[in-house]
C-alpha atoms as a PDB file:
ATOM      1  CA  MET A   1     -82.884 -59.512 -29.005  1.00  0.00           C
ATOM      2  CA  SER A   2     -85.893 -58.245 -31.007  1.00  0.00           C
ATOM      3  CA  ASN A   3     -85.988 -55.089 -33.182  1.00  0.00           C
ATOM      4  CA  LEU A   4     -88.248 -53.543 -30.539  1.00  0.00           C
ATOM      5  CA  ASP A   5     -85.478 -53.945 -27.897  1.00  0.00           C
ATOM      6  CA  ILE A   6     -82.888 -52.452 -30.252  1.00  0.00           C
ATOM      7  CA  SER A   7     -85.059 -49.451 -31.124  1.00  0.00           C
ATOM      8  CA  LEU A   8     -85.838 -48.784 -27.429  1.00  0.00           C
ATOM      9  CA  TYR A   9     -82.171 -48.805 -26.475  1.00  0.00           C
ATOM     10  CA  GLU A  10     -81.266 -46.679 -29.502  1.00  0.00           C
ATOM     11  CA  GLU A  11     -84.030 -44.205 -28.563  1.00  0.00           C
ATOM     12  CA  ILE A  12     -82.481 -43.929 -25.093  1.00  0.00           C
ATOM     13  CA  ILE A  13     -78.991 -43.347 -26.590  1.00  0.00           C
ATOM     14  CA  GLU A  14     -80.419 -40.693 -28.891  1.00  0.00           C
ATOM     15  CA  GLY A  15     -82.225 -38.956 -26.025  1.00  0.00           C
ATOM     16  CA  LEU A  16     -79.135 -38.858 -23.852  1.00  0.00           C
ATOM     17  CA  THR A  17     -77.094 -37.516 -26.830  1.00  0.00           C
ATOM     18  CA  TYR A  18     -79.426 -34.503 -26.716  1.00  0.00           C
ATOM     19  CA  ASN A  19     -78.748 -34.061 -22.925  1.00  0.00           C
ATOM     20  CA  ARG A  20     -82.045 -35.490 -21.832  1.00  0.00           C
ATOM     21  CA  GLU A  21     -82.253 -37.202 -18.479  1.00  0.00           C
ATOM     22  CA  LEU A  22     -83.179 -40.881 -17.913  1.00  0.00           C
ATOM     23  CA  GLU A  23     -84.924 -42.355 -14.896  1.00  0.00           C
ATOM     24  CA  ILE A  24     -85.023 -46.116 -14.469  1.00  0.00           C
ATOM     25  CA  TYR A  25     -87.322 -47.825 -11.888  1.00  0.00           C
ATOM     26  CA  TYR A  26     -85.738 -51.134 -10.948  1.00  0.00           C
ATOM     27  CA  ASP A  27     -85.750 -53.378  -7.894  1.00  0.00           C
ATOM     28  CA  ASP A  28     -87.592 -50.825  -5.738  1.00  0.00           C
ATOM     29  CA  PHE A  29     -85.062 -48.061  -6.458  1.00  0.00           C
ATOM     30  CA  THR A  30     -84.947 -45.074  -8.827  1.00  0.00           C
ATOM     31  CA  TYR A  31     -81.775 -44.748 -10.934  1.00  0.00           C
ATOM     32  CA  GLY A  32     -81.062 -41.680 -12.897  1.00  0.00           C
ATOM     33  CA  ILE A  33     -78.544 -40.656 -15.526  1.00  0.00           C
ATOM     34  CA  VAL A  34     -78.160 -36.918 -15.658  1.00  0.00           C
ATOM     35  CA  THR A  35     -75.659 -34.343 -16.878  1.00  0.00           C
ATOM     36  CA  TYR A  36     -73.837 -32.123 -14.495  1.00  0.00           C
ATOM     37  CA  GLY A  37     -71.654 -29.658 -16.419  1.00  0.00           C
ATOM     38  CA  ALA A  38     -69.419 -31.674 -18.637  1.00  0.00           C
ATOM     39  CA  LEU A  39     -69.930 -34.866 -16.649  1.00  0.00           C
ATOM     40  CA  TRP A  40     -72.573 -37.575 -16.689  1.00  0.00           C
ATOM     41  CA  GLN A  41     -73.737 -39.050 -13.397  1.00  0.00           C
ATOM     42  CA  LEU A  42     -75.528 -42.217 -12.344  1.00  0.00           C
ATOM     43  CA  TRP A  43     -77.656 -41.862  -9.261  1.00  0.00           C
ATOM     44  CA  LYS A  44     -79.475 -44.415  -7.118  1.00  0.00           C
ATOM     45  CA  ASP A  45     -82.185 -42.523  -5.281  1.00  0.00           C
ATOM     46  CA  LYS A  46     -80.064 -39.782  -3.623  1.00  0.00           C
ATOM     47  CA  GLU A  47     -76.690 -41.609  -3.803  1.00  0.00           C
ATOM     48  CA  LEU A  48     -74.169 -40.857  -6.490  1.00  0.00           C
ATOM     49  CA  LEU A  49     -72.939 -44.219  -7.855  1.00  0.00           C
ATOM     50  CA  ALA A  50     -70.657 -43.127 -10.719  1.00  0.00           C
ATOM     51  CA  GLU A  51     -69.471 -40.176 -12.730  1.00  0.00           C
ATOM     52  CA  CYS A  52     -68.030 -40.165 -16.225  1.00  0.00           C
ATOM     53  CA  ASN A  53     -67.277 -37.963 -19.245  1.00  0.00           C
ATOM     54  CA  ASP A  54     -69.670 -40.019 -21.371  1.00  0.00           C
ATOM     55  CA  PHE A  55     -73.046 -41.716 -20.653  1.00  0.00           C
ATOM     56  CA  LEU A  56     -72.243 -44.993 -22.476  1.00  0.00           C
ATOM     57  CA  PRO A  57     -70.100 -46.484 -19.680  1.00  0.00           C
ATOM     58  CA  LEU A  58     -72.866 -45.717 -17.204  1.00  0.00           C
ATOM     59  CA  LEU A  59     -75.232 -47.765 -19.356  1.00  0.00           C
ATOM     60  CA  GLU A  60     -72.937 -50.593 -20.405  1.00  0.00           C
ATOM     61  CA  ASN A  61     -70.859 -51.330 -17.297  1.00  0.00           C
ATOM     62  CA  PRO A  62     -72.290 -53.736 -14.691  1.00  0.00           C
ATOM     63  CA  LEU A  63     -72.795 -51.121 -12.007  1.00  0.00           C
ATOM     64  CA  ILE A  64     -76.105 -52.410 -10.531  1.00  0.00           C
ATOM     65  CA  ASN A  65     -75.737 -55.690  -8.630  1.00  0.00           C
ATOM     66  CA  GLY A  66     -73.536 -57.082 -11.404  1.00  0.00           C
ATOM     67  CA  ARG A  67     -75.899 -55.948 -14.216  1.00  0.00           C
ATOM     68  CA  SER A  68     -75.635 -53.154 -16.622  1.00  0.00           C
ATOM     69  CA  LEU A  69     -78.473 -50.742 -17.252  1.00  0.00           C
ATOM     70  CA  ARG A  70     -78.446 -51.870 -20.856  1.00  0.00           C
ATOM     71  CA  ASP A  71     -79.099 -55.467 -19.812  1.00  0.00           C
ATOM     72  CA  ILE A  72     -81.905 -54.330 -17.442  1.00  0.00           C
ATOM     73  CA  ILE A  73     -83.468 -52.229 -20.195  1.00  0.00           C
ATOM     74  CA  GLU A  74     -83.269 -54.926 -22.886  1.00  0.00           C
ATOM     75  CA  ALA A  75     -84.690 -57.538 -20.492  1.00  0.00           C
ATOM     76  CA  LYS A  76     -87.591 -55.167 -19.847  1.00  0.00           C
ATOM     77  CA  ASP A  77     -87.051 -55.539 -16.098  1.00  0.00           C
ATOM     78  CA  CYS A  78     -87.640 -51.863 -15.407  1.00  0.00           C
ATOM     79  CA  GLY A  79     -89.784 -48.883 -15.858  1.00  0.00           C
ATOM     80  CA  LEU A  80     -88.330 -45.955 -17.842  1.00  0.00           C
ATOM     81  CA  LEU A  81     -88.804 -42.252 -18.148  1.00  0.00           C
ATOM     82  CA  LEU A  82     -86.755 -40.259 -20.653  1.00  0.00           C
ATOM     83  CA  MET A  83     -87.154 -36.539 -19.983  1.00  0.00           C
END
């Protein structure tokens, strides 16, 4: 993994720490990580996939066809929008 990959992932972590939202465009779907009250949610288009008290499990667990969002991001297999 290059330093560019590490800095991109760290920038996403930092953005989510400040309650920003993340959209990921992967495999013809839009995935989103958003806050809802005290919970973090992972959405696929308009379908709720997972809910958690922290965003890290949503990024690191293999929730998308056996892959984690972290793997998808680091492999640069997606488009990203951090809002």
